[in-house]
C-alpha atoms as a PDB file:
ATOM      1  CA  UNK A   1      -5.591  23.756  -4.857  1.00  0.00           C
ATOM      2  CA  UNK A   2      -8.190  21.054  -4.805  1.00  0.00           C
ATOM      3  CA  UNK A   3     -11.780  22.094  -5.277  1.00  0.00           C
ATOM      4  CA  UNK A   4     -14.142  21.783  -2.331  1.00  0.00           C
ATOM      5  CA  UNK A   5     -16.106  18.702  -2.052  1.00  0.00           C
ATOM      6  CA  UNK A   6     -19.979  18.523  -2.087  1.00  0.00           C
ATOM      7  CA  UNK A   7     -21.896  17.462   1.025  1.00  0.00           C
ATOM      8  CA  UNK A   8     -21.459  13.844   1.277  1.00  0.00           C
ATOM      9  CA  UNK A   9     -18.626  13.453  -1.238  1.00  0.00           C
ATOM     10  CA  UNK A  10     -16.061  12.831   1.498  1.00  0.00           C
ATOM     11  CA  UNK A  11     -18.166  10.413   3.255  1.00  0.00           C
ATOM     12  CA  UNK A  12     -16.087   7.747   2.383  1.00  0.00           C
ATOM     13  CA  UNK A  13     -12.881   8.888   3.957  1.00  0.00           C
ATOM     14  CA  UNK A  14      -9.653  10.688   3.009  1.00  0.00           C
ATOM     15  CA  UNK A  15      -6.909  10.153   0.338  1.00  0.00           C
ATOM     16  CA  UNK A  16      -4.913   8.069   2.617  1.00  0.00           C
ATOM     17  CA  UNK A  17      -8.090   6.039   3.562  1.00  0.00           C
ATOM     18  CA  UNK A  18      -8.776   5.340  -0.078  1.00  0.00           C
ATOM     19  CA  UNK A  19      -5.003   4.514  -0.801  1.00  0.00           C
ATOM     20  CA  UNK A  20      -4.952   2.031   2.020  1.00  0.00           C
ATOM     21  CA  UNK A  21      -8.257   0.419   0.991  1.00  0.00           C
ATOM     22  CA  UNK A  22      -7.051  -0.252  -2.510  1.00  0.00           C
ATOM     23  CA  UNK A  23      -3.587  -1.555  -1.333  1.00  0.00           C
ATOM     24  CA  UNK A  24      -4.306  -3.438   1.967  1.00  0.00           C
ATOM     25  CA  UNK A  25      -5.551  -6.606   0.157  1.00  0.00           C
ATOM     26  CA  UNK A  26      -1.986  -7.168  -1.156  1.00  0.00           C
ATOM     27  CA  UNK A  27      -1.309  -9.443   1.754  1.00  0.00           C
ATOM     28  CA  UNK A  28       2.210 -10.530   1.637  1.00  0.00           C
ATOM     29  CA  UNK A  29       3.801  -6.987   1.749  1.00  0.00           C
ATOM     30  CA  UNK A  30       4.286  -4.807   4.853  1.00  0.00           C
ATOM     31  CA  UNK A  31       2.054  -1.691   4.972  1.00  0.00           C
ATOM     32  CA  UNK A  32       3.980   1.077   7.012  1.00  0.00           C
ATOM     33  CA  UNK A  33       2.126   4.232   7.826  1.00  0.00           C
ATOM     34  CA  UNK A  34       4.391   7.117   8.227  1.00  0.00           C
ATOM     35  CA  UNK A  35       2.497   8.969  10.839  1.00  0.00           C
ATOM     36  CA  UNK A  36       1.555   9.256  14.549  1.00  0.00           C
ATOM     37  CA  UNK A  37       0.020   6.132  15.922  1.00  0.00           C
ATOM     38  CA  UNK A  38      -3.584   7.009  15.561  1.00  0.00           C
ATOM     39  CA  UNK A  39      -3.321   7.445  11.698  1.00  0.00           C
ATOM     40  CA  UNK A  40      -2.749   3.679  11.527  1.00  0.00           C
ATOM     41  CA  UNK A  41      -4.953   2.861  14.318  1.00  0.00           C
ATOM     42  CA  UNK A  42      -7.953   4.562  12.934  1.00  0.00           C
ATOM     43  CA  UNK A  43      -7.361   2.947   9.421  1.00  0.00           C
ATOM     44  CA  UNK A  44      -6.374  -0.554  10.420  1.00  0.00           C
ATOM     45  CA  UNK A  45      -8.675  -3.317   9.069  1.00  0.00           C
ATOM     46  CA  UNK A  46     -10.911  -0.780   7.395  1.00  0.00           C
ATOM     47  CA  UNK A  47     -10.686  -2.836   4.407  1.00  0.00           C
ATOM     48  CA  UNK A  48     -10.742  -6.629   5.137  1.00  0.00           C
ATOM     49  CA  UNK A  49      -9.069  -9.101   2.788  1.00  0.00           C
ATOM     50  CA  UNK A  50      -9.069 -12.798   2.398  1.00  0.00           C
ATOM     51  CA  UNK A  51      -5.914 -14.463   1.737  1.00  0.00           C
ATOM     52  CA  UNK A  52      -5.041 -18.094   0.866  1.00  0.00           C
ATOM     53  CA  UNK A  53      -1.583 -17.764   2.230  1.00  0.00           C
ATOM     54  CA  UNK A  54       0.316 -14.610   3.471  1.00  0.00           C
ATOM     55  CA  UNK A  55      -1.118 -12.696   6.607  1.00  0.00           C
ATOM     56  CA  UNK A  56       1.535 -10.034   6.884  1.00  0.00           C
ATOM     57  CA  UNK A  57      -1.204  -7.459   5.976  1.00  0.00           C
ATOM     58  CA  UNK A  58      -2.758  -8.153   9.495  1.00  0.00           C
ATOM     59  CA  UNK A  59       0.260  -6.788  11.296  1.00  0.00           C
ATOM     60  CA  UNK A  60      -0.073  -2.970  11.825  1.00  0.00           C
ATOM     61  CA  UNK A  61       2.999  -1.028  11.143  1.00  0.00           C
ATOM     62  CA  UNK A  62       3.730   2.860  11.861  1.00  0.00           C
ATOM     63  CA  UNK A  63       6.521   5.063  12.478  1.00  0.00           C
ATOM     64  CA  UNK A  64       4.703   6.279  15.481  1.00  0.00           C
ATOM     65  CA  UNK A  65       5.703   9.889  14.974  1.00  0.00           C
ATOM     66  CA  UNK A  66       5.553  11.851  18.079  1.00  0.00           C
ATOM     67  CA  UNK A  67       5.534  15.784  18.735  1.00  0.00           C
ATOM     68  CA  UNK A  68       9.079  15.887  19.432  1.00  0.00           C
ATOM     69  CA  UNK A  69       9.976  13.897  16.456  1.00  0.00           C
ATOM     70  CA  UNK A  70       7.978  16.461  14.103  1.00  0.00           C
ATOM     71  CA  UNK A  71       9.722  19.515  16.005  1.00  0.00           C
ATOM     72  CA  UNK A  72      13.150  17.936  15.721  1.00  0.00           C
ATOM     73  CA  UNK A  73      12.735  16.833  12.017  1.00  0.00           C
ATOM     74  CA  UNK A  74      13.348  13.344  12.791  1.00  0.00           C
ATOM     75  CA  UNK A  75      10.470  12.040  10.424  1.00  0.00           C
ATOM     76  CA  UNK A  76      12.704  10.667   7.532  1.00  0.00           C
ATOM     77  CA  UNK A  77      15.385   9.130   9.955  1.00  0.00           C
ATOM     78  CA  UNK A  78      12.783   7.349  11.805  1.00  0.00           C
ATOM     79  CA  UNK A  79      11.076   6.231   8.640  1.00  0.00           C
ATOM     80  CA  UNK A  80      14.387   4.662   7.402  1.00  0.00           C
ATOM     81  CA  UNK A  81      14.739   2.877  10.866  1.00  0.00           C
ATOM     82  CA  UNK A  82      11.364   1.334  10.643  1.00  0.00           C
ATOM     83  CA  UNK A  83      11.771   0.134   6.986  1.00  0.00           C
ATOM     84  CA  UNK A  84      15.239  -1.526   8.352  1.00  0.00           C
ATOM     85  CA  UNK A  85      13.415  -3.053  11.278  1.00  0.00           C
ATOM     86  CA  UNK A  86      10.606  -4.507   9.353  1.00  0.00           C
ATOM     87  CA  UNK A  87      12.969  -5.857   6.572  1.00  0.00           C
ATOM     88  CA  UNK A  88      15.027  -7.675   9.094  1.00  0.00           C
ATOM     89  CA  UNK A  89      12.259  -8.919  11.460  1.00  0.00           C
ATOM     90  CA  UNK A  90       9.728  -9.906   8.846  1.00  0.00           C
ATOM     91  CA  UNK A  91      11.664 -10.147   5.359  1.00  0.00           C
ATOM     92  CA  UNK A  92       8.771  -9.154   3.248  1.00  0.00           C
ATOM     93  CA  UNK A  93       8.990  -9.014  -0.525  1.00  0.00           C
ATOM     94  CA  UNK A  94       8.064  -5.410  -0.410  1.00  0.00           C
ATOM     95  CA  UNK A  95       7.079  -2.552   1.879  1.00  0.00           C
ATOM     96  CA  UNK A  96       4.500   0.002   0.895  1.00  0.00           C
ATOM     97  CA  UNK A  97       5.219   3.405   2.780  1.00  0.00           C
ATOM     98  CA  UNK A  98       2.017   5.723   3.070  1.00  0.00           C
ATOM     99  CA  UNK A  99       2.447   9.302   3.605  1.00  0.00           C
ATOM    100  CA  UNK A 100      -0.088  10.980   5.868  1.00  0.00           C
ATOM    101  CA  UNK A 101      -1.444  14.503   6.495  1.00  0.00           C
ATOM    102  CA  UNK A 102       1.260  15.009   9.305  1.00  0.00           C
ATOM    103  CA  UNK A 103       4.195  13.989   7.127  1.00  0.00           C
ATOM    104  CA  UNK A 104       3.187  15.812   4.026  1.00  0.00           C
ATOM    105  CA  UNK A 105       2.800  19.018   6.170  1.00  0.00           C
ATOM    106  CA  UNK A 106       6.322  18.786   7.577  1.00  0.00           C
ATOM    107  CA  UNK A 107       7.738  17.992   4.122  1.00  0.00           C
ATOM    108  CA  UNK A 108       9.028  14.574   4.654  1.00  0.00           C
ATOM    109  CA  UNK A 109      10.359  13.103   1.267  1.00  0.00           C
ATOM    110  CA  UNK A 110       9.029   9.443   1.507  1.00  0.00           C
ATOM    111  CA  UNK A 111      10.205   9.020  -2.177  1.00  0.00           C
ATOM    112  CA  UNK A 112      13.730   9.625  -1.367  1.00  0.00           C
ATOM    113  CA  UNK A 113      13.698   7.601   1.848  1.00  0.00           C
ATOM    114  CA  UNK A 114      12.070   4.826  -0.050  1.00  0.00           C
ATOM    115  CA  UNK A 115      14.586   4.984  -2.936  1.00  0.00           C
ATOM    116  CA  UNK A 116      17.675   4.897  -0.591  1.00  0.00           C
ATOM    117  CA  UNK A 117      16.068   1.933   1.295  1.00  0.00           C
ATOM    118  CA  UNK A 118      15.482   0.141  -1.853  1.00  0.00           C
ATOM    119  CA  UNK A 119      19.009   0.538  -2.911  1.00  0.00           C
ATOM    120  CA  UNK A 120      20.419  -0.353   0.625  1.00  0.00           C
ATOM    121  CA  UNK A 121      18.166  -3.371   1.359  1.00  0.00           C
ATOM    122  CA  UNK A 122      17.442  -4.818  -2.187  1.00  0.00           C
ATOM    123  CA  UNK A 123      13.860  -5.024  -1.841  1.00  0.00           C
ATOM    124  CA  UNK A 124      10.917  -3.044  -3.353  1.00  0.00           C
ATOM    125  CA  UNK A 125      10.030   0.042  -0.945  1.00  0.00           C
ATOM    126  CA  UNK A 126       7.168   1.699  -2.522  1.00  0.00           C
ATOM    127  CA  UNK A 127       6.038   5.227  -1.659  1.00  0.00           C
ATOM    128  CA  UNK A 128       2.430   5.731  -1.559  1.00  0.00           C
ATOM    129  CA  UNK A 129       1.946   9.515  -1.691  1.00  0.00           C
ATOM    130  CA  UNK A 130      -1.660   9.875  -0.602  1.00  0.00           C
ATOM    131  CA  UNK A 131      -1.969  12.159   2.472  1.00  0.00           C
ATOM    132  CA  UNK A 132      -5.473  12.635   3.664  1.00  0.00           C
ATOM    133  CA  UNK A 133      -5.475  16.182   3.091  1.00  0.00           C
ATOM    134  CA  UNK A 134      -4.834  15.616  -0.781  1.00  0.00           C
ATOM    135  CA  UNK A 135      -8.455  14.803  -1.151  1.00  0.00           C
ATOM    136  CA  UNK A 136     -11.049  12.287  -1.173  1.00  0.00           C
ATOM    137  CA  UNK A 137     -11.157   8.546  -0.834  1.00  0.00           C
ATOM    138  CA  UNK A 138     -11.551   8.304  -4.599  1.00  0.00           C
ATOM    139  CA  UNK A 139      -8.488  10.346  -5.163  1.00  0.00           C
ATOM    140  CA  UNK A 140      -6.746   8.014  -2.699  1.00  0.00           C
ATOM    141  CA  UNK A 141      -7.628   4.960  -4.799  1.00  0.00           C
ATOM    142  CA  UNK A 142      -6.331   6.460  -8.036  1.00  0.00           C
ATOM    143  CA  UNK A 143      -2.922   7.702  -6.172  1.00  0.00           C
ATOM    144  CA  UNK A 144      -2.545   4.015  -5.009  1.00  0.00           C
ATOM    145  CA  UNK A 145      -3.022   2.717  -8.556  1.00  0.00           C
ATOM    146  CA  UNK A 146      -0.486   5.155  -9.937  1.00  0.00           C
ATOM    147  CA  UNK A 147       2.127   4.003  -7.352  1.00  0.00           C
ATOM    148  CA  UNK A 148       1.534   0.400  -8.365  1.00  0.00           C
ATOM    149  CA  UNK A 149       1.974   1.694 -12.059  1.00  0.00           C
ATOM    150  CA  UNK A 150       5.058   3.548 -11.222  1.00  0.00           C
ATOM    151  CA  UNK A 151       6.843   1.222  -8.843  1.00  0.00           C
ATOM    152  CA  UNK A 152       5.496  -2.275  -9.137  1.00  0.00           C
ATOM    153  CA  UNK A 153       3.660  -3.261 -12.347  1.00  0.00           C
ATOM    154  CA  UNK A 154       6.075  -4.156 -15.252  1.00  0.00           C
ATOM    155  CA  UNK A 155       9.205  -4.053 -12.978  1.00  0.00           C
ATOM    156  CA  UNK A 156       9.923  -7.779 -13.397  1.00  0.00           C
ATOM    157  CA  UNK A 157       9.510 -10.140 -16.153  1.00  0.00           C
ATOM    158  CA  UNK A 158       7.862 -13.564 -15.400  1.00  0.00           C
ATOM    159  CA  UNK A 159      10.254 -16.364 -15.895  1.00  0.00           C
ATOM    160  CA  UNK A 160       8.007 -18.772 -17.343  1.00  0.00           C
ATOM    161  CA  UNK A 161       5.336 -16.819 -19.544  1.00  0.00           C
ATOM    162  CA  UNK A 162       2.594 -18.766 -21.095  1.00  0.00           C
ATOM    163  CA  UNK A 163       0.290 -18.174 -24.022  1.00  0.00           C
ATOM    164  CA  UNK A 164      -2.816 -17.950 -21.774  1.00  0.00           C
ATOM    165  CA  UNK A 165      -1.533 -15.882 -18.825  1.00  0.00           C
ATOM    166  CA  UNK A 166      -3.672 -13.141 -17.380  1.00  0.00           C
ATOM    167  CA  UNK A 167      -3.206 -10.624 -14.752  1.00  0.00           C
ATOM    168  CA  UNK A 168      -6.315  -9.414 -13.010  1.00  0.00           C
ATOM    169  CA  UNK A 169      -6.509  -5.754 -11.927  1.00  0.00           C
ATOM    170  CA  UNK A 170      -9.032  -4.212  -9.654  1.00  0.00           C
ATOM    171  CA  UNK A 171     -10.341  -7.391  -8.139  1.00  0.00           C
ATOM    172  CA  UNK A 172     -11.018  -6.958  -4.555  1.00  0.00           C
ATOM    173  CA  UNK A 173     -11.829 -10.597  -3.328  1.00  0.00           C
ATOM    174  CA  UNK A 174     -13.985  -9.258  -0.595  1.00  0.00           C
ATOM    175  CA  UNK A 175     -15.254 -12.497   0.646  1.00  0.00           C
ATOM    176  CA  UNK A 176     -13.077 -14.958  -1.460  1.00  0.00           C
ATOM    177  CA  UNK A 177     -15.140 -14.325  -4.758  1.00  0.00           C
ATOM    178  CA  UNK A 178     -12.041 -14.776  -6.765  1.00  0.00           C
ATOM    179  CA  UNK A 179     -11.681 -18.350  -5.343  1.00  0.00           C
ATOM    180  CA  UNK A 180     -14.935 -19.328  -7.034  1.00  0.00           C
ATOM    181  CA  UNK A 181     -13.819 -17.882 -10.376  1.00  0.00           C
ATOM    182  CA  UNK A 182     -10.202 -19.193 -10.481  1.00  0.00           C
ATOM    183  CA  UNK A 183     -11.287 -22.901 -10.841  1.00  0.00           C
ATOM    184  CA  UNK A 184     -13.167 -22.022 -13.791  1.00  0.00           C
ATOM    185  CA  UNK A 185     -10.239 -20.188 -15.503  1.00  0.00           C
ATOM    186  CA  UNK A 186      -7.912 -23.155 -14.602  1.00  0.00           C
ATOM    187  CA  UNK A 187     -10.365 -25.448 -16.414  1.00  0.00           C
ATOM    188  CA  UNK A 188     -10.234 -23.149 -19.421  1.00  0.00           C
ATOM    189  CA  UNK A 189      -6.614 -23.402 -19.282  1.00  0.00           C
ATOM    190  CA  UNK A 190      -6.133 -19.752 -18.318  1.00  0.00           C
ATOM    191  CA  UNK A 191      -3.318 -19.058 -15.741  1.00  0.00           C
ATOM    192  CA  UNK A 192      -3.755 -16.166 -13.358  1.00  0.00           C
ATOM    193  CA  UNK A 193      -0.210 -14.722 -12.882  1.00  0.00           C
ATOM    194  CA  UNK A 194      -1.297 -11.835 -10.552  1.00  0.00           C
ATOM    195  CA  UNK A 195      -4.558 -10.503  -8.964  1.00  0.00           C
ATOM    196  CA  UNK A 196      -4.195  -7.047  -7.786  1.00  0.00           C
ATOM    197  CA  UNK A 197      -5.321  -6.208  -5.240  1.00  0.00           C
ATOM    198  CA  UNK A 198      -6.899  -9.388  -4.282  1.00  0.00           C
ATOM    199  CA  UNK A 199      -5.359 -12.745  -3.150  1.00  0.00           C
END
C-alpha cells in the first residue's frame, strides 16, 4: 500500500496526470487513454508542447469505456480495437497506451494487449501503467520514465552514429526553449539525436 500524502502533496494531480505530463510532448506518437471519456477530457492539453513538425499529440484518443463495457468485461477487446483503428487511420510510429483508475480496478492487462498489438501491427505499442490511484503526479512522472526505459530507449540502434551525437532526456521545451539551444549545439558540431520528451 502506498503511504498517505501530506496536505498539498497531491495538488499537482494523480499518477496518470503525471505520466501524461511527461509523455504528451512526444508529439509524433498517438496517446491513447484506456478509460471512460472524461479521463482524457479532463487531462487533455494539461501539458502543452511545442513542436517543429508533428501535431498528432493534439488529437485526443480514448477507448471511451462505458458502464456496459466494464460490466461485460469488454475493456481489453475495446483497447485492441482502438489501437487497430489508430494504426490504420493515423499510421503513427508508436502508440502510448495509458491505464487509468477504472481499467486498473477492473484488471485489464494493458501490457498483454500492447504486446499482442505490437506483434500484430509491427509498431511500438507502449503500455504506460500509471493509474491515478497508484499515487501522486510525481510517481506518474517516474512511471512514465520507466516505461520509456523499458519499451523505447535502446530498442533501435541509429543507422549513422557520429562522434558527437547526444540525446537529451528530461527537456520539456515548454515555450520552445530548446530551439534557442539547438543552434548553439549545431555550431559546436554536436548533433542532437533525440530530445525526450521535447521536440
